[in-house]
């Protein structure tokens, strides 16, 4: 009984915690749940993460492609059945042999980070005469973001040795 009384008195003294600086509290203000963070999390929807693109297939037909922010362009094109997902099993530059090569206009290339040395090597090794197209990029190396909304990419014709 005496122990329960002392625990209640101790909890009454500790709960207000007005004299403890915010940086020393167990749950700082940054981790507390406020009404602002509740409403902010409610407004975040999947539609806010969508990135809409246009892809042009080898026959010249335009296709609407939808991807998610953070997803690779390869994944979005594979989901739209424009690139065979079996032709590029891994989204790893060291396992890539340029089956996911796409071409795009310079205005979109300027919005992307520059290609890595590994990506340039893969593009050069798969190109004729070792000179790669400056508008070519690997879809597995492009991460979608909201700045790429409306981007137009051309999916090249499969090479004869890539066709099963």
N, C-alpha and C. Protein backbone atom coordinates (compact mmCIF):
# COMPACT_ATOMS: atom_id res chain seq x y z
N UNK A 1 0.82 -1.18 0.00
CA UNK A 1 0.00 0.00 0.00
C UNK A 1 0.86 1.25 0.00
N UNK A 2 1.87 1.25 0.84
CA UNK A 2 2.76 2.41 0.91
C UNK A 2 3.52 2.57 -0.40
N UNK A 3 3.82 1.45 -1.04
CA UNK A 3 4.54 1.52 -2.31
C UNK A 3 3.65 2.13 -3.40
N UNK A 4 2.38 1.77 -3.46
CA UNK A 4 1.46 2.32 -4.45
C UNK A 4 1.30 3.83 -4.24
N UNK A 5 1.23 4.26 -2.94
CA UNK A 5 1.10 5.68 -2.66
C UNK A 5 2.33 6.46 -3.13
N UNK A 6 3.52 5.91 -2.89
CA UNK A 6 4.74 6.61 -3.32
C UNK A 6 4.87 6.61 -4.84
N UNK A 7 4.39 5.57 -5.52
CA UNK A 7 4.42 5.57 -6.98
C UNK A 7 3.49 6.63 -7.56
N UNK A 8 2.28 6.78 -6.96
CA UNK A 8 1.36 7.82 -7.43
C UNK A 8 1.95 9.20 -7.23
N UNK A 9 2.56 9.43 -6.06
CA UNK A 9 3.15 10.73 -5.78
C UNK A 9 4.32 11.01 -6.74
N UNK A 10 5.10 9.98 -7.02
CA UNK A 10 6.22 10.12 -7.94
C UNK A 10 5.73 10.43 -9.36
N UNK A 11 4.68 9.75 -9.81
CA UNK A 11 4.15 9.99 -11.15
C UNK A 11 3.56 11.39 -11.26
N UNK A 12 2.91 11.90 -10.20
CA UNK A 12 2.37 13.26 -10.21
C UNK A 12 3.49 14.29 -10.36
N UNK A 13 4.60 14.03 -9.74
CA UNK A 13 5.72 14.97 -9.82
C UNK A 13 6.43 14.90 -11.17
N UNK A 14 6.43 13.74 -11.81
CA UNK A 14 7.15 13.59 -13.06
C UNK A 14 6.33 13.95 -14.30
N UNK A 15 5.04 13.75 -14.26
CA UNK A 15 4.23 13.95 -15.45
C UNK A 15 4.29 15.36 -16.03
N UNK A 16 4.16 16.42 -15.24
CA UNK A 16 4.20 17.74 -15.88
C UNK A 16 5.53 18.00 -16.57
N UNK A 17 6.62 17.62 -16.01
CA UNK A 17 7.96 17.75 -16.58
C UNK A 17 8.21 19.15 -17.14
N UNK A 18 7.73 20.14 -16.45
CA UNK A 18 7.91 21.52 -16.92
C UNK A 18 9.33 22.02 -16.70
N UNK A 19 9.98 21.48 -15.70
CA UNK A 19 11.33 21.96 -15.41
C UNK A 19 12.40 21.19 -16.18
N UNK A 20 12.02 20.17 -16.98
CA UNK A 20 12.99 19.42 -17.77
C UNK A 20 13.08 20.07 -19.15
N UNK A 21 14.28 20.42 -19.58
CA UNK A 21 14.41 21.02 -20.92
C UNK A 21 13.94 20.05 -22.01
N UNK A 22 13.39 20.57 -23.11
CA UNK A 22 12.86 19.71 -24.17
C UNK A 22 13.87 18.72 -24.73
N UNK A 23 15.14 19.09 -24.80
CA UNK A 23 16.14 18.20 -25.37
C UNK A 23 16.41 16.98 -24.49
N UNK A 24 16.06 17.06 -23.21
CA UNK A 24 16.33 15.95 -22.28
C UNK A 24 15.12 15.07 -22.05
N UNK A 25 13.98 15.41 -22.58
CA UNK A 25 12.78 14.61 -22.38
C UNK A 25 12.90 13.29 -23.14
N UNK A 26 12.18 12.31 -22.68
CA UNK A 26 12.21 11.00 -23.30
C UNK A 26 11.64 11.07 -24.72
N UNK A 27 10.56 11.82 -24.90
CA UNK A 27 9.96 11.99 -26.21
C UNK A 27 10.02 13.47 -26.58
N UNK A 28 11.05 13.89 -27.32
CA UNK A 28 11.15 15.28 -27.71
C UNK A 28 9.96 15.70 -28.56
N UNK A 29 9.79 16.99 -28.72
CA UNK A 29 8.65 17.53 -29.45
C UNK A 29 8.60 17.03 -30.89
N UNK A 30 9.77 16.74 -31.48
CA UNK A 30 9.78 16.29 -32.86
C UNK A 30 9.13 14.93 -33.04
N UNK A 31 9.02 14.13 -31.95
CA UNK A 31 8.40 12.83 -32.05
C UNK A 31 6.96 12.82 -31.55
N UNK A 32 6.51 13.93 -31.02
CA UNK A 32 5.15 13.95 -30.49
C UNK A 32 4.16 14.07 -31.64
N UNK A 33 3.00 13.50 -31.45
CA UNK A 33 1.96 13.52 -32.47
C UNK A 33 1.10 14.74 -32.24
N UNK A 34 1.03 15.58 -33.24
CA UNK A 34 0.19 16.76 -33.15
C UNK A 34 -0.90 16.67 -34.20
N UNK A 35 -1.83 17.57 -34.11
CA UNK A 35 -2.91 17.56 -35.10
C UNK A 35 -2.37 17.90 -36.48
N UNK A 36 -1.28 18.69 -36.57
CA UNK A 36 -0.68 19.03 -37.86
C UNK A 36 -0.16 17.79 -38.57
N UNK A 37 0.59 16.95 -37.84
CA UNK A 37 1.16 15.77 -38.48
C UNK A 37 0.07 14.78 -38.87
N UNK A 38 -1.03 14.73 -38.11
CA UNK A 38 -2.13 13.83 -38.48
C UNK A 38 -2.76 14.26 -39.78
N UNK A 39 -3.01 15.56 -39.94
CA UNK A 39 -3.64 16.02 -41.18
C UNK A 39 -2.68 15.92 -42.35
N UNK A 40 -1.39 16.13 -42.11
CA UNK A 40 -0.40 16.03 -43.19
C UNK A 40 -0.32 14.61 -43.72
N UNK A 41 -0.36 13.61 -42.82
CA UNK A 41 -0.27 12.22 -43.26
C UNK A 41 -1.54 11.81 -43.99
N UNK A 42 -2.66 12.43 -43.66
CA UNK A 42 -3.90 12.10 -44.36
C UNK A 42 -3.90 12.62 -45.79
N UNK A 43 -3.23 13.74 -46.03
CA UNK A 43 -3.25 14.32 -47.37
C UNK A 43 -2.26 13.64 -48.31
N UNK A 44 -1.30 12.91 -47.80
CA UNK A 44 -0.36 12.20 -48.67
C UNK A 44 -1.05 10.97 -49.23
N UNK A 45 -1.16 10.95 -50.55
CA UNK A 45 -1.85 9.86 -51.23
C UNK A 45 -0.90 9.24 -52.25
N UNK A 46 -1.30 8.11 -52.74
CA UNK A 46 -0.51 7.47 -53.78
C UNK A 46 -0.49 8.35 -55.03
N UNK A 47 -1.60 9.05 -55.29
CA UNK A 47 -1.66 9.91 -56.47
C UNK A 47 -0.62 11.02 -56.42
N UNK A 48 -0.19 11.40 -55.22
CA UNK A 48 0.87 12.41 -55.10
C UNK A 48 2.22 11.85 -55.54
N UNK A 49 2.36 10.53 -55.55
CA UNK A 49 3.62 9.90 -55.92
C UNK A 49 3.66 9.47 -57.38
N UNK A 50 2.55 9.61 -58.10
CA UNK A 50 2.50 9.17 -59.49
C UNK A 50 3.29 10.10 -60.40
N UNK A 51 3.97 9.49 -61.36
CA UNK A 51 4.69 10.23 -62.40
C UNK A 51 4.18 9.69 -63.73
N UNK A 52 3.59 10.57 -64.53
CA UNK A 52 3.04 10.16 -65.82
C UNK A 52 4.03 10.48 -66.94
N UNK A 53 4.27 9.49 -67.78
CA UNK A 53 5.24 9.61 -68.87
C UNK A 53 4.58 9.21 -70.18
N UNK A 54 5.24 9.55 -71.26
CA UNK A 54 4.83 9.10 -72.59
C UNK A 54 5.97 8.26 -73.15
N UNK A 55 5.65 7.07 -73.63
CA UNK A 55 6.66 6.20 -74.24
C UNK A 55 6.26 5.96 -75.69
N UNK A 56 7.24 6.01 -76.56
CA UNK A 56 7.02 5.76 -77.98
C UNK A 56 7.67 4.43 -78.32
N UNK A 57 6.87 3.50 -78.82
CA UNK A 57 7.40 2.18 -79.15
C UNK A 57 8.08 2.21 -80.52
N UNK A 58 8.74 1.12 -80.93
CA UNK A 58 9.47 1.10 -82.21
C UNK A 58 8.59 1.37 -83.44
N UNK A 59 7.28 1.08 -83.34
CA UNK A 59 6.38 1.34 -84.46
C UNK A 59 5.92 2.80 -84.51
N UNK A 60 6.26 3.58 -83.49
CA UNK A 60 5.88 4.99 -83.45
C UNK A 60 4.61 5.28 -82.68
N UNK A 61 4.01 4.28 -82.06
CA UNK A 61 2.80 4.48 -81.26
C UNK A 61 3.15 5.08 -79.91
N UNK A 62 2.30 5.98 -79.44
CA UNK A 62 2.50 6.62 -78.14
C UNK A 62 1.71 5.85 -77.08
N UNK A 63 2.35 5.63 -75.94
CA UNK A 63 1.73 4.90 -74.83
C UNK A 63 1.85 5.76 -73.57
N UNK A 64 0.77 5.79 -72.81
CA UNK A 64 0.80 6.47 -71.52
C UNK A 64 1.37 5.50 -70.49
N UNK A 65 2.37 5.94 -69.77
CA UNK A 65 3.03 5.09 -68.76
C UNK A 65 2.93 5.80 -67.42
N UNK A 66 2.58 5.05 -66.39
CA UNK A 66 2.48 5.61 -65.05
C UNK A 66 3.46 4.88 -64.15
N UNK A 67 4.28 5.65 -63.44
CA UNK A 67 5.23 5.08 -62.49
C UNK A 67 5.10 5.80 -61.17
N UNK A 68 5.80 5.30 -60.17
CA UNK A 68 5.81 5.92 -58.85
C UNK A 68 7.14 6.60 -58.59
N UNK A 69 7.11 7.66 -57.83
CA UNK A 69 8.33 8.34 -57.44
C UNK A 69 9.25 7.34 -56.73
N UNK A 70 10.51 7.30 -57.13
CA UNK A 70 11.48 6.37 -56.55
C UNK A 70 11.59 5.06 -57.31
N UNK A 71 10.66 4.80 -58.20
CA UNK A 71 10.68 3.59 -59.02
C UNK A 71 11.59 3.84 -60.23
N UNK A 72 12.17 2.80 -60.77
CA UNK A 72 13.01 2.98 -61.96
C UNK A 72 12.13 3.10 -63.20
N UNK A 73 12.66 3.78 -64.20
CA UNK A 73 11.96 3.90 -65.47
C UNK A 73 11.76 2.51 -66.08
N UNK A 74 12.73 1.63 -65.92
CA UNK A 74 12.61 0.26 -66.42
C UNK A 74 11.38 -0.43 -65.86
N UNK A 75 11.16 -0.30 -64.57
CA UNK A 75 10.01 -0.94 -63.91
C UNK A 75 8.70 -0.39 -64.46
N UNK A 76 8.63 0.94 -64.65
CA UNK A 76 7.42 1.56 -65.20
C UNK A 76 7.16 1.08 -66.62
N UNK A 77 8.21 0.98 -67.44
CA UNK A 77 8.05 0.52 -68.82
C UNK A 77 7.68 -0.97 -68.87
N UNK A 78 8.24 -1.74 -67.96
CA UNK A 78 7.91 -3.17 -67.90
C UNK A 78 6.46 -3.36 -67.46
N UNK A 79 5.99 -2.54 -66.52
CA UNK A 79 4.59 -2.63 -66.08
C UNK A 79 3.63 -2.26 -67.21
N UNK A 80 4.08 -1.42 -68.13
CA UNK A 80 3.26 -1.02 -69.28
C UNK A 80 3.46 -1.97 -70.47
N UNK A 81 4.21 -3.06 -70.28
CA UNK A 81 4.49 -4.08 -71.31
C UNK A 81 5.23 -3.51 -72.52
N UNK A 82 6.09 -2.52 -72.31
CA UNK A 82 6.88 -1.97 -73.39
C UNK A 82 8.29 -2.54 -73.43
N UNK A 83 8.73 -3.08 -72.32
CA UNK A 83 10.02 -3.78 -72.23
C UNK A 83 9.73 -5.12 -71.58
N UNK A 84 10.27 -6.16 -72.14
CA UNK A 84 10.07 -7.49 -71.59
C UNK A 84 10.79 -7.58 -70.24
N UNK A 85 10.06 -7.82 -69.16
CA UNK A 85 10.73 -7.88 -67.85
C UNK A 85 11.74 -9.01 -67.74
N UNK A 86 11.58 -10.07 -68.54
CA UNK A 86 12.51 -11.18 -68.49
C UNK A 86 13.84 -10.84 -69.17
N UNK A 87 13.85 -9.82 -70.03
CA UNK A 87 15.08 -9.48 -70.71
C UNK A 87 16.06 -8.77 -69.80
N UNK A 88 15.56 -8.26 -68.70
CA UNK A 88 16.43 -7.55 -67.76
C UNK A 88 16.04 -7.99 -66.36
N UNK A 89 16.64 -9.06 -65.92
CA UNK A 89 16.22 -9.69 -64.67
C UNK A 89 16.59 -8.90 -63.43
N UNK A 90 17.71 -8.21 -63.47
CA UNK A 90 18.18 -7.49 -62.30
C UNK A 90 18.29 -6.01 -62.60
N UNK A 91 17.97 -5.18 -61.62
CA UNK A 91 18.15 -3.74 -61.79
C UNK A 91 19.50 -3.34 -61.22
N UNK A 92 20.52 -4.00 -61.72
CA UNK A 92 21.87 -3.79 -61.25
C UNK A 92 22.74 -3.49 -62.46
N UNK A 93 23.49 -2.43 -62.41
CA UNK A 93 24.29 -2.00 -63.55
C UNK A 93 25.30 -3.07 -63.96
N UNK A 94 25.76 -3.87 -63.03
CA UNK A 94 26.77 -4.88 -63.34
C UNK A 94 26.17 -6.10 -64.03
N UNK A 95 24.84 -6.24 -63.98
CA UNK A 95 24.18 -7.35 -64.66
C UNK A 95 23.49 -6.88 -65.93
N UNK A 96 23.65 -5.62 -66.27
CA UNK A 96 22.93 -5.01 -67.39
C UNK A 96 23.69 -5.23 -68.69
N UNK A 97 22.92 -5.46 -69.75
CA UNK A 97 23.53 -5.53 -71.07
C UNK A 97 22.75 -4.67 -72.05
N UNK A 98 22.20 -3.58 -71.58
CA UNK A 98 21.54 -2.53 -72.37
C UNK A 98 20.24 -2.96 -73.02
N UNK A 99 19.56 -3.98 -72.50
CA UNK A 99 18.23 -4.31 -73.02
C UNK A 99 17.22 -3.24 -72.63
N UNK A 100 17.52 -2.46 -71.63
CA UNK A 100 16.59 -1.44 -71.15
C UNK A 100 16.97 -0.05 -71.64
N UNK A 101 17.73 0.01 -72.70
CA UNK A 101 18.16 1.30 -73.24
C UNK A 101 16.97 2.08 -73.77
N UNK A 102 16.88 3.35 -73.42
CA UNK A 102 15.84 4.25 -73.92
C UNK A 102 16.51 5.51 -74.44
N UNK A 103 15.79 6.24 -75.26
CA UNK A 103 16.31 7.51 -75.78
C UNK A 103 15.34 8.61 -75.42
N UNK A 104 15.89 9.80 -75.15
CA UNK A 104 15.04 10.93 -74.78
C UNK A 104 15.66 12.23 -75.25
N UNK A 105 14.84 13.26 -75.27
CA UNK A 105 15.28 14.58 -75.73
C UNK A 105 16.22 15.20 -74.70
N UNK A 106 17.01 16.14 -75.16
CA UNK A 106 18.01 16.80 -74.31
C UNK A 106 17.37 17.51 -73.12
N UNK A 107 16.17 18.08 -73.30
CA UNK A 107 15.53 18.79 -72.20
C UNK A 107 15.27 17.87 -71.01
N UNK A 108 14.99 16.59 -71.27
CA UNK A 108 14.77 15.63 -70.18
C UNK A 108 16.09 15.12 -69.64
N UNK A 109 17.09 14.98 -70.50
CA UNK A 109 18.40 14.54 -70.02
C UNK A 109 18.99 15.55 -69.05
N UNK A 110 18.70 16.84 -69.26
CA UNK A 110 19.20 17.87 -68.36
C UNK A 110 18.61 17.78 -66.96
N UNK A 111 17.45 17.16 -66.83
CA UNK A 111 16.79 17.01 -65.53
C UNK A 111 17.26 15.77 -64.78
N UNK A 112 18.05 14.95 -65.44
CA UNK A 112 18.55 13.72 -64.82
C UNK A 112 19.98 13.92 -64.33
N UNK A 113 20.38 13.14 -63.34
CA UNK A 113 21.80 13.18 -62.97
C UNK A 113 22.63 12.62 -64.12
N UNK A 114 23.88 13.03 -64.23
CA UNK A 114 24.71 12.52 -65.33
C UNK A 114 24.90 11.00 -65.21
N UNK A 115 25.08 10.33 -66.34
CA UNK A 115 25.28 8.87 -66.28
C UNK A 115 26.59 8.53 -65.59
N UNK A 116 26.58 7.42 -64.89
CA UNK A 116 27.80 6.97 -64.22
C UNK A 116 28.75 6.39 -65.26
N UNK A 117 29.99 6.20 -64.85
CA UNK A 117 30.97 5.60 -65.75
C UNK A 117 30.56 4.19 -66.15
N UNK A 118 29.96 3.47 -65.21
CA UNK A 118 29.49 2.12 -65.51
C UNK A 118 28.38 2.13 -66.56
N UNK A 119 27.46 3.10 -66.44
CA UNK A 119 26.37 3.19 -67.42
C UNK A 119 26.93 3.53 -68.80
N UNK A 120 27.87 4.44 -68.87
CA UNK A 120 28.49 4.80 -70.16
C UNK A 120 29.20 3.59 -70.75
N UNK A 121 29.89 2.82 -69.91
CA UNK A 121 30.58 1.62 -70.38
C UNK A 121 29.59 0.63 -70.99
N UNK A 122 28.46 0.40 -70.31
CA UNK A 122 27.46 -0.55 -70.82
C UNK A 122 26.88 -0.04 -72.13
N UNK A 123 26.59 1.26 -72.21
CA UNK A 123 26.04 1.82 -73.45
C UNK A 123 27.04 1.73 -74.60
N UNK A 124 28.31 2.02 -74.31
CA UNK A 124 29.34 1.94 -75.36
C UNK A 124 29.56 0.51 -75.81
N UNK A 125 29.56 -0.43 -74.88
CA UNK A 125 29.83 -1.82 -75.25
C UNK A 125 28.69 -2.42 -76.07
N UNK A 126 27.48 -1.90 -75.91
CA UNK A 126 26.36 -2.44 -76.68
C UNK A 126 26.13 -1.68 -77.99
N UNK A 127 26.78 -0.52 -78.15
CA UNK A 127 26.58 0.29 -79.36
C UNK A 127 27.46 -0.20 -80.49
N UNK A 128 27.01 0.11 -81.68
CA UNK A 128 27.82 -0.21 -82.86
C UNK A 128 29.03 0.70 -82.90
N UNK A 129 30.17 0.17 -83.23
CA UNK A 129 31.43 0.91 -83.34
C UNK A 129 31.86 1.56 -82.02
N UNK A 130 31.27 1.19 -80.90
CA UNK A 130 31.70 1.72 -79.61
C UNK A 130 31.33 3.16 -79.33
N UNK A 131 30.49 3.77 -80.16
CA UNK A 131 30.07 5.14 -79.92
C UNK A 131 28.59 5.13 -79.56
N UNK A 132 28.29 5.52 -78.35
CA UNK A 132 26.90 5.46 -77.93
C UNK A 132 26.20 6.78 -78.25
N UNK A 133 24.90 6.69 -78.40
CA UNK A 133 24.05 7.85 -78.68
C UNK A 133 24.00 8.72 -77.42
N UNK A 134 24.24 10.00 -77.57
CA UNK A 134 24.26 10.88 -76.39
C UNK A 134 22.88 11.05 -75.78
N UNK A 135 21.83 10.64 -76.49
CA UNK A 135 20.47 10.71 -75.95
C UNK A 135 20.02 9.38 -75.36
N UNK A 136 20.91 8.41 -75.31
CA UNK A 136 20.58 7.09 -74.77
C UNK A 136 20.90 7.03 -73.28
N UNK A 137 20.01 6.41 -72.54
CA UNK A 137 20.23 6.13 -71.12
C UNK A 137 19.67 4.74 -70.83
N UNK A 138 20.09 4.16 -69.72
CA UNK A 138 19.57 2.87 -69.29
C UNK A 138 18.38 3.11 -68.36
N UNK A 139 17.26 2.50 -68.69
CA UNK A 139 16.05 2.67 -67.88
C UNK A 139 16.21 2.18 -66.46
N UNK A 140 17.11 1.23 -66.25
CA UNK A 140 17.31 0.69 -64.89
C UNK A 140 18.09 1.66 -64.02
N UNK A 141 18.66 2.71 -64.61
CA UNK A 141 19.47 3.66 -63.84
C UNK A 141 18.76 5.00 -63.64
N UNK A 142 17.53 5.14 -64.15
CA UNK A 142 16.78 6.38 -64.01
C UNK A 142 15.70 6.20 -62.96
N UNK A 143 15.80 6.96 -61.88
CA UNK A 143 14.77 6.94 -60.85
C UNK A 143 13.76 8.04 -61.14
N UNK A 144 12.49 7.66 -61.12
CA UNK A 144 11.44 8.62 -61.41
C UNK A 144 11.27 9.60 -60.26
N UNK A 145 10.98 10.85 -60.59
CA UNK A 145 10.69 11.88 -59.60
C UNK A 145 9.69 12.84 -60.21
N UNK A 146 9.06 13.69 -59.40
CA UNK A 146 8.02 14.59 -59.92
C UNK A 146 8.49 15.53 -61.03
N UNK A 147 9.78 15.85 -61.09
CA UNK A 147 10.30 16.72 -62.15
C UNK A 147 10.20 16.07 -63.52
N UNK A 148 10.07 14.75 -63.57
CA UNK A 148 10.03 14.04 -64.84
C UNK A 148 8.60 13.84 -65.36
N UNK A 149 7.63 14.46 -64.72
CA UNK A 149 6.23 14.38 -65.15
C UNK A 149 6.13 14.87 -66.60
N UNK A 150 5.55 14.04 -67.48
CA UNK A 150 5.38 14.39 -68.88
C UNK A 150 6.55 14.03 -69.78
N UNK A 151 7.58 13.40 -69.22
CA UNK A 151 8.76 13.04 -70.01
C UNK A 151 8.38 12.09 -71.15
N UNK A 152 9.03 12.28 -72.28
CA UNK A 152 8.80 11.43 -73.45
C UNK A 152 10.06 10.61 -73.67
N UNK A 153 9.90 9.28 -73.70
CA UNK A 153 11.03 8.39 -73.95
C UNK A 153 10.71 7.51 -75.15
N UNK A 154 11.73 7.18 -75.90
CA UNK A 154 11.58 6.27 -77.04
C UNK A 154 12.20 4.94 -76.69
N UNK A 155 11.42 3.90 -76.85
CA UNK A 155 11.90 2.54 -76.59
C UNK A 155 12.40 2.00 -77.92
N UNK A 156 13.69 1.71 -78.03
CA UNK A 156 14.22 1.25 -79.32
C UNK A 156 13.77 -0.16 -79.66
N UNK A 157 13.92 -0.48 -80.92
CA UNK A 157 13.60 -1.81 -81.41
C UNK A 157 14.56 -2.81 -80.80
N UNK A 158 14.06 -4.00 -80.40
CA UNK A 158 14.99 -4.99 -79.86
C UNK A 158 16.00 -5.44 -80.90
N UNK A 159 17.20 -5.68 -80.45
CA UNK A 159 18.24 -6.16 -81.36
C UNK A 159 17.96 -7.62 -81.70
N UNK A 160 18.38 -8.08 -82.85
CA UNK A 160 18.08 -9.46 -83.26
C UNK A 160 18.54 -10.50 -82.25
N UNK A 161 19.65 -10.26 -81.57
CA UNK A 161 20.15 -11.23 -80.60
C UNK A 161 19.41 -11.17 -79.28
N UNK A 162 18.56 -10.12 -79.08
CA UNK A 162 17.77 -10.02 -77.86
C UNK A 162 16.40 -10.68 -78.00
N UNK A 163 15.99 -10.99 -79.22
CA UNK A 163 14.67 -11.58 -79.46
C UNK A 163 14.75 -13.08 -79.21
N UNK A 164 13.85 -13.62 -78.35
CA UNK A 164 13.92 -15.05 -78.04
C UNK A 164 13.50 -15.91 -79.20
